[in-house]
Protein backbone atom coordinates (compact mmCIF):
# COMPACT_ATOMS: atom_id res chain seq x y z
CA MET A 1 26.86 22.58 34.77
CA LYS A 2 23.53 24.32 34.20
CA SER A 3 24.86 25.82 30.99
CA LEU A 4 24.74 22.36 29.39
CA ARG A 5 20.99 21.91 29.90
CA LEU A 6 19.40 21.86 26.45
CA GLY A 7 15.85 21.94 27.81
CA PRO A 8 13.00 21.97 25.27
CA PHE A 9 15.35 21.64 22.30
CA VAL A 10 15.97 18.02 23.27
CA LEU A 11 12.26 17.26 23.03
CA CYS A 12 12.20 18.44 19.42
CA PHE A 13 15.06 16.08 18.60
CA LEU A 14 13.38 13.20 20.39
CA ILE A 15 10.04 13.74 18.65
CA ALA A 16 11.72 14.00 15.26
CA LEU A 17 13.69 10.84 15.98
CA ILE A 18 10.63 8.86 17.04
CA VAL A 19 8.69 9.93 13.95
CA ASP A 20 11.63 9.13 11.68
CA ALA A 21 12.23 5.74 13.29
CA SER A 22 8.60 4.65 13.16
CA GLY A 23 7.60 6.28 9.89
CA GLN A 24 4.39 7.45 11.56
CA THR A 25 3.17 10.56 13.32
CA GLY A 26 0.92 8.81 15.78
CA GLY A 27 -2.16 10.59 14.45
CA ARG A 28 -4.89 9.43 12.12
CA PRO A 29 -4.67 9.56 8.32
CA GLY A 30 -4.87 13.15 7.17
CA GLY A 31 -2.68 14.48 9.96
CA SER A 32 -5.16 14.53 12.86
CA THR A 33 -3.58 14.28 16.30
CA ASP A 34 -6.73 13.28 18.16
CA ALA A 35 -5.20 9.89 18.94
CA VAL A 36 -2.31 11.61 20.68
CA ASN A 37 -4.41 14.15 22.57
CA SER A 38 -6.98 11.58 23.67
CA PRO A 39 -5.09 8.43 24.68
CA ASP A 40 -6.97 5.21 25.05
CA ALA A 41 -7.17 4.48 28.77
CA SER A 42 -7.45 0.77 28.08
CA ALA A 43 -4.23 0.65 26.06
CA LYS A 44 -1.35 -1.28 27.60
CA PRO A 45 1.62 0.83 28.75
CA PHE A 46 4.73 0.66 26.62
CA PRO A 47 7.61 -1.32 28.16
CA THR A 48 10.43 0.79 29.57
CA THR A 49 12.90 -1.18 27.43
CA ALA A 50 11.34 0.44 24.35
CA PHE A 51 12.13 3.90 25.70
CA ALA A 52 15.65 2.77 26.56
CA ALA A 53 16.07 1.62 22.95
CA ILE A 54 14.84 5.00 21.68
CA GLY A 55 17.37 6.70 23.93
CA SER A 56 20.15 4.52 22.55
CA LEU A 57 19.10 5.26 18.97
CA PHE A 58 18.97 8.97 19.70
CA ALA A 59 22.44 8.93 21.25
CA GLN A 60 23.96 7.02 18.33
CA SER A 61 22.31 9.12 15.61
CA SER A 62 23.37 12.34 17.34
CA HIS A 63 27.06 11.34 17.58
CA LEU A 64 26.91 11.55 21.38
CA PRO A 65 29.27 8.55 21.84
CA GLU A 66 31.86 10.34 19.70
CA LEU A 67 31.69 13.71 21.43
CA GLY A 68 33.61 12.47 24.44
CA TRP A 69 31.22 13.71 27.14
CA ASP A 70 32.13 12.65 30.67
CA GLU A 71 29.66 11.19 33.17
CA THR A 72 28.92 14.58 34.72
CA GLN A 73 28.05 16.12 31.35
CA ILE A 74 25.85 13.19 30.40
CA ALA A 75 24.05 13.41 33.74
CA ALA A 76 23.50 17.15 33.18
CA PHE A 77 22.12 16.46 29.71
CA LEU A 78 19.64 13.91 31.06
CA ASP A 79 18.71 16.27 33.90
CA GLY A 80 17.86 18.90 31.28
CA VAL A 81 15.58 16.42 29.50
CA ASN A 82 13.85 15.53 32.75
CA ALA A 83 13.45 19.19 33.73
CA ALA A 84 11.86 20.05 30.38
CA LEU A 85 9.43 17.14 30.71
CA HIS A 86 8.32 18.58 34.04
CA GLY A 87 7.88 22.10 32.65
CA ARG A 88 10.94 23.63 34.25
CA GLY A 89 13.54 23.54 31.52
CA TYR A 90 16.78 25.47 32.00
CA ALA A 91 17.27 28.81 30.27
CA PHE A 92 19.26 28.62 27.05
CA ASP A 93 21.72 31.37 27.98
CA ASP A 94 24.88 32.62 26.26
CA THR A 95 27.04 29.89 27.77
CA ALA A 96 24.64 27.20 26.58
CA ARG A 97 24.65 28.75 23.10
CA ALA A 98 28.44 28.65 23.07
CA VAL A 99 28.45 24.98 24.11
CA SER A 100 25.77 24.19 21.51
CA ALA A 101 27.84 25.87 18.79
CA GLU A 102 30.92 23.92 19.86
CA MET A 103 28.99 20.64 19.78
CA GLY A 104 27.72 21.52 16.31
CA ARG A 105 31.27 22.16 15.14
CA ARG A 106 32.44 18.83 16.53
CA VAL A 107 29.55 16.95 14.91
CA GLN A 108 30.42 18.57 11.57
CA GLU A 109 34.03 17.43 11.96
CA ILE A 110 32.88 13.89 12.78
CA GLU A 111 30.57 13.73 9.77
CA THR A 112 33.26 15.11 7.46
CA HIS A 113 35.76 12.56 8.74
CA LYS A 114 33.29 9.71 8.22
CA LYS A 115 32.63 10.83 4.65
CA GLN A 116 36.36 10.92 3.97
CA LEU A 117 36.73 7.39 5.33
CA ALA A 118 33.79 6.16 3.24
CA SER A 119 35.29 7.65 0.11
CA GLN A 120 38.76 6.30 0.83
CA ALA A 121 37.40 2.81 1.50
CA PHE A 122 36.62 2.31 -2.18
CA THR A 123 40.18 3.23 -3.18
CA GLN A 124 41.52 0.17 -1.35
CA PRO A 125 42.44 -2.69 -3.70
CA GLY A 126 39.49 -4.99 -4.33
CA ARG A 127 37.04 -3.00 -2.16
CA LEU A 128 34.89 -1.75 -5.03
CA GLU A 129 34.79 -5.17 -6.66
CA GLN A 130 33.78 -6.79 -3.38
CA TYR A 131 31.05 -4.20 -2.84
CA MET A 132 29.58 -4.71 -6.31
CA LYS A 133 29.67 -8.48 -5.84
CA GLU A 134 27.85 -8.24 -2.52
CA MET A 135 25.20 -5.90 -3.95
CA ARG A 136 24.62 -8.09 -7.01
CA LYS A 137 24.02 -11.07 -4.74
CA ARG A 138 21.83 -9.15 -2.29
CA TYR A 139 19.51 -7.72 -4.94
CA SER A 140 19.86 -10.40 -7.66
CA LEU A 141 21.37 -7.94 -10.12
CA GLN A 142 22.92 -8.62 -13.49
CA GLN A 143 26.15 -6.97 -14.55
CA SER A 144 27.06 -5.58 -17.96
CA GLU A 145 30.52 -5.60 -19.51
CA SER A 146 31.02 -1.99 -18.40
CA GLY A 147 30.47 -2.91 -14.74
CA LEU A 148 26.90 -1.60 -14.44
CA ALA A 149 24.81 -3.70 -12.00
CA TYR A 150 21.12 -3.66 -12.83
CA ASP A 151 17.67 -5.21 -12.52
CA ILE A 152 14.91 -4.09 -14.88
CA GLN A 153 11.22 -4.79 -14.36
CA PRO A 154 9.15 -4.46 -17.56
CA GLY A 155 6.20 -2.09 -17.70
CA ARG A 156 2.57 -2.99 -18.17
CA SER A 157 2.99 -3.35 -21.93
CA GLY A 158 5.92 -5.73 -21.49
CA GLY A 159 7.80 -4.09 -24.37
CA GLY A 160 7.70 -0.86 -26.30
CA VAL A 161 10.09 1.85 -27.37
CA ARG A 162 13.56 1.98 -25.93
CA PRO A 163 15.47 5.26 -25.88
CA ARG A 164 18.48 5.83 -28.12
CA PRO A 165 21.49 8.05 -27.38
CA GLY A 166 20.05 10.97 -29.36
CA ASP A 167 16.57 10.83 -27.79
CA THR A 168 15.02 12.80 -24.96
CA VAL A 169 13.40 10.99 -22.03
CA VAL A 170 11.07 11.74 -19.14
CA VAL A 171 12.18 9.86 -16.03
CA SER A 172 11.71 9.75 -12.29
CA CYS A 173 14.59 8.62 -10.13
CA VAL A 174 15.57 8.27 -6.49
CA ALA A 175 19.30 8.23 -5.77
CA LEU A 176 20.94 6.66 -2.73
CA ALA A 177 24.50 6.67 -1.44
CA ALA A 178 26.54 3.48 -1.35
CA ASP A 179 25.16 2.57 2.09
CA GLY A 180 21.76 1.99 0.46
CA THR A 181 19.87 4.22 2.91
CA THR A 182 21.18 7.79 2.62
CA LYS A 183 19.03 9.67 0.11
CA LEU A 184 20.70 12.01 -2.35
CA PRO A 185 18.08 14.63 -3.24
CA GLN A 186 20.57 16.49 -5.44
CA LEU A 187 20.56 13.48 -7.81
CA SER A 188 16.85 12.62 -7.48
CA ASN A 189 14.07 13.97 -9.71
CA ASP A 190 10.40 13.42 -10.46
CA HIS A 191 9.24 13.41 -14.09
CA ILE A 192 12.27 15.30 -15.34
CA ARG A 193 12.70 15.78 -19.08
CA VAL A 194 16.33 15.38 -20.13
CA LYS A 195 18.39 14.52 -23.19
CA MET A 196 20.05 11.13 -23.11
CA ALA A 197 23.36 12.70 -24.16
CA GLY A 198 23.43 14.73 -20.94
CA LEU A 199 23.09 11.77 -18.58
CA LEU A 200 25.76 9.91 -16.63
CA PRO A 201 27.30 7.13 -18.76
CA GLY A 202 25.91 4.32 -16.63
CA PHE A 203 22.51 6.00 -16.40
CA MET A 204 22.32 6.22 -20.20
CA GLU A 205 23.40 2.60 -20.56
CA CYS A 206 20.66 1.39 -18.25
CA LEU A 207 17.94 3.49 -19.88
CA GLN A 208 18.78 1.99 -23.26
CA MET A 209 17.79 -1.40 -21.82
CA MET A 210 14.46 -0.05 -20.55
CA SER A 211 11.15 0.57 -22.29
CA VAL A 212 8.39 3.03 -21.46
CA ASP A 213 6.73 2.34 -18.09
CA SER A 214 9.50 -0.02 -16.97
CA GLN A 215 11.36 0.35 -13.69
CA ALA A 216 14.94 -0.42 -12.75
CA ARG A 217 17.33 -0.62 -9.86
CA PHE A 218 20.92 -0.07 -10.87
CA ILE A 219 24.26 0.62 -9.23
CA LEU A 220 26.88 2.76 -10.91
CA PRO A 221 30.54 2.25 -10.04
CA PRO A 222 32.40 5.60 -9.93
CA ALA A 223 33.76 5.18 -13.47
CA LEU A 224 30.18 5.13 -14.83
CA SER A 225 29.00 8.16 -12.87
CA PHE A 226 31.19 11.23 -12.29
CA GLY A 227 34.55 9.47 -12.52
CA GLU A 228 37.44 11.94 -12.36
CA ASN A 229 35.16 14.93 -12.94
CA GLU A 230 33.72 17.21 -10.27
CA TRP A 231 31.24 15.48 -7.95
CA PRO A 232 28.08 17.18 -6.64
CA GLU A 233 28.27 18.71 -3.20
CA GLY A 234 27.11 16.25 -0.55
CA VAL A 235 27.95 13.18 -2.65
CA ASP A 236 30.99 11.21 -1.50
CA ARG A 237 33.58 11.28 -4.27
CA GLY A 238 34.64 7.94 -5.72
CA THR A 239 31.75 5.93 -4.27
CA PRO A 240 29.12 3.80 -6.04
CA LEU A 241 25.67 5.33 -6.55
CA ILE A 242 22.35 3.50 -6.37
CA PHE A 243 19.37 4.56 -8.50
CA PHE A 244 15.70 3.55 -8.66
CA VAL A 245 14.35 4.70 -12.01
CA THR A 246 11.02 4.77 -13.83
CA LEU A 247 11.00 5.58 -17.55
CA HIS A 248 7.81 7.51 -18.38
CA GLU A 249 8.30 8.70 -21.95
CA VAL A 250 10.69 8.58 -24.88
CA ILE A 251 10.79 11.50 -27.32
CA GLY A 252 12.64 10.68 -30.51
CA ALA A 253 15.44 12.96 -31.68
CA GLU A 254 13.42 13.89 -34.72
CA ALA A 255 10.44 14.98 -32.56
CA ALA A 256 12.35 16.81 -29.80
CA PRO A 257 12.47 20.62 -30.19
C-alpha cells in the first residue's frame, strides 16, 4: 500500500483548505509570517476537536467519501500524512502517480455528474419557481413582471442618470452560481465598459432601474440570461445566476464613440 502515500502533497491541500476556511493566512497584515514562525508560548492549545473538524471538511471538499476507498486505503492515506509531518514522507513513485491520476479522473467524473444533476434540477416542474421564491424571501428581493428578482441600493447622490438601451455603461459585477457561493469569474468584471445592447436581457433590465453609484443584487432566471443559446464554459446550463453590480458611469449614446 505504500504507493498510495501522498506525502507532502497532502500538506499543501491541508494548508490551502485551512486558509480558505478561515479567510486568513495566520500572519500579520501585509503578509508577514512572524506570528506563525514565533508562536506565543502562553497561547492556549487548540482543542483536538477543531482538528477533527478540519479533517472532516477536507475529506468532504476533496470528494473522499465518494471515491469509495476501503479502510485499508484510508489508513494508508492517513499514514502518509503522519509520515510527512514527521519528515519521512513516502516517495511519489510511478505507481503513486498512476493512482493520483486515477483519483483525479474519478473526481472529475463526480464533479461533472453533480453539475448535470444541478442543471437538471431546475427542469423539474415548479423547481425554478420555488427557488426564486425562496431567494426573494431570503434576501428581501422584489420581482419584476419578467421574473427578474432584484434589490437596488441607491448611490450617494440618491438619484441621477439611469442608463437607456442605447447607452454605454461602466460597471463592476461579481457573478455567483445558483448555490450562492460558487464564484463565476468568467461572468465577473471590474470597471468594464460595455454597451447596454450587448448585455444579458435581465442584466440590462436591472441596470435601467439603477443610477450612477448605486448597487444591486439581482437573480436572473435562465430565460433572462443565456436561455436557449450557448452557455459559457463552467456555467451550469439552465440554472439561475446571481449578480452583485455597481454602476459607475453612464455614457449617453450621443457621446459614445
